[in-house]
Amino acid sequence: MANTVVERPTLGREAVTPARPPGYYPLYDAAGRAGFLVVSVAGYFFLWAPILLLIVFSFNDGRSVNAWYGFTFRWYESIFSSAAGGEASFASDLLLNSVMNSLLVSLPATFIATVLGTMIALSLARGKYPGRRYVDGLLLLPVIIPEITQGISLAMFFKLIFDYVDSATGTRVYPGFGTIIIGHVVFNISYVAVVVRARLADMNPRLEEAAYDLGANGWRTFWRITFPLLLPGIVAGALLAFTLSLDDFVVTFFLAGVGNTTLPVFVYGLLKITVTPDINAISTLMLLASTVLIGISLLLQGRNKA
């Protein structure tokens, strides 16, 4: 019997090319891709063009923001000169005072929100108690509720508290740094808890179980095992809370008292009169600080997932 050679069919170009679905038109597909690209570029341009314009005009040599008079650093020099105690314009002094007020609010608000948010995240991830699901749902309310609703509700709440204290003790209490800090803590707790809880979800619970098996109590296990593993998530949540507190306007506007003007509220007040290069310069510095903090926060969260 003669040996027969069976040739394996060669796969041509037609065999590897996927079949096009019925109704497929290359021209329509190319037009859709081009339209998607145009819409994306236009959307990003609409978002970033005003910010880029603000940054460019912060180096304008004239006080007008409608025309370019040349490149200069004198607005930044005025700000840093005032910060160093040198001679500066009155507007720069007021800007730096508002920056100091923003830091006086943001730093304690960030610390309190980080501690409380971490505790809440631990209780939701590790605890088993009645109503835990409701606490989990309430935790997201500050993220979902519009900020102006939070500001109005907090202002009404403090008004009722202050009126009660006045009627009960005869002491009149006014809004100030305390009310602003409490308001910032209220909406920052949720963000910190969400970030820390995401870190807890990626942790291996067997590490804590191994510590218990080796004789460590709950307190030692937390500080030797849990806290070091949670620290990148805690720092990321704290940076996010600090950025949100530093940039907040709406809640601060409703809760601020006399002499407690923060930077966003101060800039808003100047915008009703005119936009000066001082505002552009301080806004550029604020944008730079916020971008750096958010970038570090995202970097830490990405490292946690890795």
Protein backbone atom coordinates (compact mmCIF):
# COMPACT_ATOMS: atom_id res chain seq x y z
CA MET A 1 0.00 0.00 0.00
CA ALA A 2 1.46 3.21 -1.12
CA ASN A 3 2.12 5.83 1.47
CA THR A 4 -0.08 8.83 1.00
CA VAL A 5 1.08 12.21 2.13
CA VAL A 6 -1.63 14.38 3.56
CA GLU A 7 -0.77 18.00 3.14
CA ARG A 8 -1.80 20.32 5.99
CA PRO A 9 -3.82 23.18 4.60
CA THR A 10 -2.05 26.47 4.84
CA LEU A 11 -3.82 29.27 6.60
CA GLY A 12 -4.05 32.15 4.25
CA ARG A 13 -4.91 35.73 4.96
CA GLU A 14 -8.58 34.97 4.60
CA ALA A 15 -8.40 32.31 7.34
CA VAL A 16 -6.96 34.59 10.04
CA THR A 17 -8.99 37.67 9.23
CA PRO A 18 -12.06 37.78 11.48
CA ALA A 19 -15.36 37.96 9.76
CA ARG A 20 -16.94 41.38 9.83
CA PRO A 21 -20.40 41.55 11.38
CA PRO A 22 -23.29 42.35 9.11
CA GLY A 23 -23.95 46.04 8.81
CA TYR A 24 -20.30 46.97 9.42
CA TYR A 25 -19.11 49.99 7.49
CA PRO A 26 -15.45 51.05 7.82
CA LEU A 27 -16.31 54.66 7.05
CA TYR A 28 -18.81 54.83 9.94
CA ASP A 29 -16.28 53.20 12.29
CA ALA A 30 -13.57 55.72 11.35
CA ALA A 31 -16.01 58.61 11.78
CA GLY A 32 -17.01 57.31 15.22
CA ARG A 33 -13.41 57.03 16.34
CA ALA A 34 -12.65 60.53 15.07
CA GLY A 35 -15.72 61.93 16.79
CA PHE A 36 -14.79 60.27 20.07
CA LEU A 37 -11.28 61.76 19.83
CA VAL A 38 -12.63 65.24 19.08
CA VAL A 39 -15.09 65.12 21.97
CA SER A 40 -12.39 63.91 24.37
CA VAL A 41 -9.92 66.61 23.32
CA ALA A 42 -12.62 69.29 23.49
CA GLY A 43 -13.69 68.13 26.94
CA TYR A 44 -10.16 68.21 28.32
CA PHE A 45 -9.55 71.59 26.67
CA PHE A 46 -12.71 72.97 28.26
CA LEU A 47 -11.53 71.76 31.69
CA TRP A 48 -7.87 72.70 31.50
CA ALA A 49 -7.78 75.83 29.32
CA PRO A 50 -8.97 78.19 32.12
CA ILE A 51 -6.43 76.68 34.53
CA LEU A 52 -3.61 77.05 32.02
CA LEU A 53 -4.70 80.63 31.35
CA LEU A 54 -4.60 81.36 35.08
CA ILE A 55 -1.08 79.94 35.35
CA VAL A 56 0.17 81.91 32.34
CA PHE A 57 -1.24 85.24 33.56
CA SER A 58 0.28 84.72 37.01
CA PHE A 59 3.56 85.68 35.27
CA ASN A 60 2.07 88.75 33.59
CA ASP A 61 3.99 91.99 34.20
CA GLY A 62 0.84 94.11 34.27
CA ARG A 63 -2.03 94.11 36.72
CA SER A 64 -4.56 93.49 33.98
CA VAL A 65 -5.54 89.95 33.16
CA ASN A 66 -6.92 90.89 29.76
CA ALA A 67 -3.63 91.72 28.04
CA TRP A 68 -0.08 90.40 28.17
CA TYR A 69 2.57 92.97 29.19
CA GLY A 70 5.60 90.72 29.58
CA PHE A 71 7.03 87.97 31.71
CA THR A 72 7.84 88.58 35.39
CA PHE A 73 8.17 86.83 38.75
CA ARG A 74 7.31 89.91 40.82
CA TRP A 75 3.93 88.62 42.00
CA TYR A 76 5.55 85.50 43.38
CA GLU A 77 8.37 87.61 44.83
CA SER A 78 5.78 89.77 46.60
CA ILE A 79 4.11 86.72 48.12
CA PHE A 80 7.34 85.10 49.29
CA SER A 81 8.70 88.44 50.50
CA SER A 82 5.63 88.88 52.68
CA ALA A 83 5.99 85.31 53.94
CA ALA A 84 9.60 86.02 54.91
CA GLY A 85 8.65 89.19 56.76
CA GLY A 86 9.81 91.64 54.12
CA GLU A 87 8.00 94.46 52.40
CA ALA A 88 4.95 93.42 50.44
CA SER A 89 1.69 94.83 49.22
CA PHE A 90 -1.37 94.96 51.39
CA ALA A 91 -3.15 92.43 49.18
CA SER A 92 -0.27 89.98 49.56
CA ASP A 93 -0.44 90.30 53.36
CA LEU A 94 -4.15 89.53 53.30
CA LEU A 95 -3.54 86.58 51.01
CA LEU A 96 -0.94 85.12 53.36
CA ASN A 97 -3.23 85.64 56.35
CA SER A 98 -5.92 83.68 54.53
CA VAL A 99 -3.38 80.95 53.72
CA MET A 100 -2.46 80.73 57.41
CA ASN A 101 -6.17 80.46 58.29
CA SER A 102 -6.54 77.66 55.74
CA LEU A 103 -3.65 75.77 57.33
CA LEU A 104 -5.04 76.37 60.84
CA VAL A 105 -8.25 74.71 59.67
CA SER A 106 -6.88 71.98 57.40
CA LEU A 107 -4.20 70.52 59.68
CA PRO A 108 -6.37 69.77 62.76
CA ALA A 109 -9.32 68.78 60.57
CA THR A 110 -7.10 66.32 58.69
CA PHE A 111 -5.71 64.83 61.90
CA ILE A 112 -9.14 64.35 63.51
CA ALA A 113 -10.72 63.00 60.32
CA THR A 114 -7.82 60.58 59.79
CA VAL A 115 -8.08 59.17 63.31
CA LEU A 116 -11.88 58.83 63.24
CA GLY A 117 -11.97 57.57 59.64
CA THR A 118 -9.38 54.89 60.39
CA MET A 119 -11.31 53.76 63.46
CA ILE A 120 -14.56 53.57 61.48
CA ALA A 121 -12.87 51.63 58.67
CA LEU A 122 -11.46 49.13 61.17
CA SER A 123 -14.84 48.68 62.84
CA LEU A 124 -16.59 48.11 59.51
CA ALA A 125 -13.95 45.69 58.21
CA ARG A 126 -13.24 43.73 61.39
CA GLY A 127 -16.22 44.29 63.64
CA LYS A 128 -19.47 42.34 63.83
CA TYR A 129 -22.25 44.26 65.53
CA PRO A 130 -25.92 45.09 64.89
CA GLY A 131 -26.46 47.97 62.48
CA ARG A 132 -23.10 47.68 60.75
CA ARG A 133 -24.74 47.81 57.34
CA TYR A 134 -26.56 51.01 58.26
CA VAL A 135 -23.32 52.59 59.46
CA ASP A 136 -21.73 51.59 56.17
CA GLY A 137 -24.54 53.30 54.27
CA LEU A 138 -24.45 56.45 56.39
CA LEU A 139 -20.71 56.69 55.85
CA LEU A 140 -21.23 57.47 52.18
CA LEU A 141 -23.79 60.24 52.74
CA PRO A 142 -21.22 63.09 52.93
CA VAL A 143 -19.83 61.91 49.59
CA ILE A 144 -23.24 61.75 47.92
CA ILE A 145 -24.97 64.79 49.43
CA PRO A 146 -24.32 68.08 47.56
CA GLU A 147 -21.82 70.26 49.35
CA ILE A 148 -24.15 73.23 49.56
CA THR A 149 -26.68 71.04 51.36
CA GLN A 150 -24.01 70.08 53.88
CA GLY A 151 -23.06 73.71 54.40
CA ILE A 152 -26.65 74.87 54.98
CA SER A 153 -27.47 71.94 57.29
CA LEU A 154 -24.32 72.47 59.36
CA ALA A 155 -25.02 76.21 59.61
CA MET A 156 -28.56 75.50 60.86
CA PHE A 157 -27.24 72.91 63.31
CA PHE A 158 -24.71 75.28 64.85
CA LYS A 159 -27.32 78.04 64.97
CA LEU A 160 -29.59 75.82 67.07
CA ILE A 161 -26.72 74.80 69.34
CA PHE A 162 -25.55 78.38 69.85
CA ASP A 163 -29.09 79.59 70.58
CA TYR A 164 -29.54 76.83 73.17
CA VAL A 165 -26.23 77.69 74.85
CA ASP A 166 -27.19 81.35 74.89
CA SER A 167 -30.58 80.66 76.45
CA ALA A 168 -29.19 78.17 78.98
CA THR A 169 -26.03 79.97 80.12
CA GLY A 170 -26.38 83.51 78.83
CA THR A 171 -23.11 83.14 76.90
CA ARG A 172 -23.21 84.06 73.27
CA VAL A 173 -21.15 81.75 71.04
CA TYR A 174 -20.17 82.75 67.53
CA PRO A 175 -18.91 80.76 64.53
CA GLY A 176 -15.17 80.51 64.14
CA PHE A 177 -12.34 78.11 63.54
CA GLY A 178 -14.03 75.47 65.66
CA THR A 179 -17.17 75.34 63.52
CA ILE A 180 -15.13 75.24 60.29
CA ILE A 181 -12.93 72.41 61.60
CA ILE A 182 -15.98 70.38 62.67
CA GLY A 183 -17.58 70.90 59.27
CA HIS A 184 -14.43 69.77 57.47
CA VAL A 185 -14.10 66.72 59.71
CA VAL A 186 -17.68 65.72 58.88
CA PHE A 187 -17.11 65.35 55.14
CA ASN A 188 -13.47 64.22 55.35
CA ILE A 189 -14.20 61.19 57.56
CA SER A 190 -15.91 59.42 54.67
CA TYR A 191 -13.01 59.85 52.28
CA VAL A 192 -10.46 58.65 54.82
CA ALA A 193 -12.59 55.65 55.76
CA VAL A 194 -13.07 54.63 52.12
CA VAL A 195 -9.33 54.74 51.39
CA VAL A 196 -8.32 52.91 54.59
CA ARG A 197 -11.04 50.32 54.12
CA ALA A 198 -9.78 49.59 50.61
CA ARG A 199 -6.36 48.94 52.11
CA LEU A 200 -7.90 46.66 54.74
CA ALA A 201 -9.63 44.65 52.02
CA ASP A 202 -6.23 43.87 50.44
CA MET A 203 -4.61 42.83 53.73
CA ASN A 204 -4.08 39.18 54.54
CA PRO A 205 -5.96 38.44 57.80
CA ARG A 206 -3.71 35.44 58.45
CA LEU A 207 -0.92 37.80 59.49
CA GLU A 208 -3.00 39.03 62.40
CA GLU A 209 -4.09 35.48 63.21
CA ALA A 210 -0.46 34.40 63.29
CA ALA A 211 0.31 37.18 65.76
CA TYR A 212 -2.50 35.99 68.01
CA ASP A 213 -1.23 32.42 67.77
CA LEU A 214 2.21 33.58 68.88
CA GLY A 215 0.75 35.09 72.04
CA ALA A 216 0.30 38.75 71.10
CA ASN A 217 -2.76 40.53 72.46
CA GLY A 218 -5.01 42.79 70.39
CA TRP A 219 -3.16 46.01 71.26
CA ARG A 220 0.27 44.62 70.36
CA THR A 221 -1.07 42.99 67.20
CA PHE A 222 -2.51 46.30 66.04
CA TRP A 223 0.68 48.31 66.56
CA ARG A 224 3.10 45.62 65.34
CA ILE A 225 1.11 44.10 62.44
CA THR A 226 -2.03 45.99 61.47
CA PHE A 227 -0.87 49.60 61.76
CA PRO A 228 2.38 49.22 59.73
CA LEU A 229 0.42 47.52 56.95
CA LEU A 230 -2.29 50.18 57.08
CA LEU A 231 0.09 53.13 57.23
CA PRO A 232 0.34 53.75 53.45
CA GLY A 233 -3.47 53.78 53.20
CA ILE A 234 -3.76 56.05 56.25
CA VAL A 235 -1.24 58.50 54.77
CA ALA A 236 -3.05 58.44 51.41
CA GLY A 237 -6.37 59.15 53.12
CA ALA A 238 -4.83 61.94 55.19
CA LEU A 239 -3.35 63.62 52.11
CA LEU A 240 -6.68 63.40 50.33
CA ALA A 241 -8.48 64.87 53.35
CA PHE A 242 -5.93 67.68 53.66
CA THR A 243 -6.35 68.58 49.99
CA LEU A 244 -10.14 68.61 50.20
CA SER A 245 -10.04 70.71 53.37
CA LEU A 246 -7.54 73.16 51.90
CA ASP A 247 -9.63 73.66 48.75
CA ASP A 248 -13.06 73.72 50.36
CA PHE A 249 -15.20 76.80 49.82
CA VAL A 250 -18.89 76.00 50.26
CA VAL A 251 -18.86 74.51 53.77
CA THR A 252 -16.31 77.08 54.93
CA PHE A 253 -18.40 79.93 53.53
CA PHE A 254 -21.40 78.91 55.65
CA LEU A 255 -19.45 78.20 58.84
CA ALA A 256 -16.82 80.95 58.92
CA GLY A 257 -16.97 83.82 61.39
CA VAL A 258 -15.38 87.25 61.49
CA GLY A 259 -11.62 87.04 60.97
CA ASN A 260 -11.71 83.36 59.95
CA THR A 261 -11.50 83.87 56.19
CA THR A 262 -9.68 81.03 54.46
CA LEU A 263 -7.96 81.26 51.12
CA PRO A 264 -10.84 80.01 48.90
CA VAL A 265 -13.30 82.39 50.59
CA PHE A 266 -10.82 85.27 50.33
CA VAL A 267 -10.23 84.63 46.62
CA TYR A 268 -13.98 84.48 46.03
CA GLY A 269 -14.39 87.86 47.73
CA LEU A 270 -11.72 89.41 45.51
CA LEU A 271 -13.25 87.92 42.37
CA LYS A 272 -16.38 90.01 42.94
CA ILE A 273 -14.21 93.13 42.56
CA THR A 274 -11.41 92.25 40.14
CA VAL A 275 -8.94 89.52 39.31
CA THR A 276 -5.37 90.58 40.09
CA PRO A 277 -2.09 88.76 39.35
CA ASP A 278 -1.74 88.20 43.12
CA ILE A 279 -4.78 85.93 42.97
CA ASN A 280 -3.40 84.14 39.92
CA ALA A 281 -0.05 83.57 41.64
CA ILE A 282 -1.48 82.27 44.93
CA SER A 283 -3.99 80.13 43.02
CA THR A 284 -1.15 78.64 40.97
CA LEU A 285 0.77 77.79 44.14
CA MET A 286 -2.37 76.30 45.66
CA LEU A 287 -3.00 74.26 42.50
CA LEU A 288 0.58 73.01 42.58
CA ALA A 289 0.32 71.97 46.22
CA SER A 290 -3.00 70.19 45.64
CA THR A 291 -1.65 68.36 42.58
CA VAL A 292 1.41 67.16 44.46
CA LEU A 293 -0.65 65.94 47.42
CA ILE A 294 -3.18 64.14 45.23
CA GLY A 295 -0.36 62.59 43.21
CA ILE A 296 1.32 61.26 46.36
CA SER A 297 -2.02 59.91 47.57
CA LEU A 298 -2.68 58.10 44.27
CA LEU A 299 0.88 56.78 44.27
CA LEU A 300 0.47 55.31 47.73
CA GLN A 301 -2.87 53.75 46.80
CA GLY A 302 -1.37 52.26 43.65
CA ARG A 303 1.54 50.85 45.65
CA ASN A 304 -0.95 49.30 48.07
CA LYS A 305 -2.72 47.49 45.25
CA ALA A 306 0.59 46.29 43.87
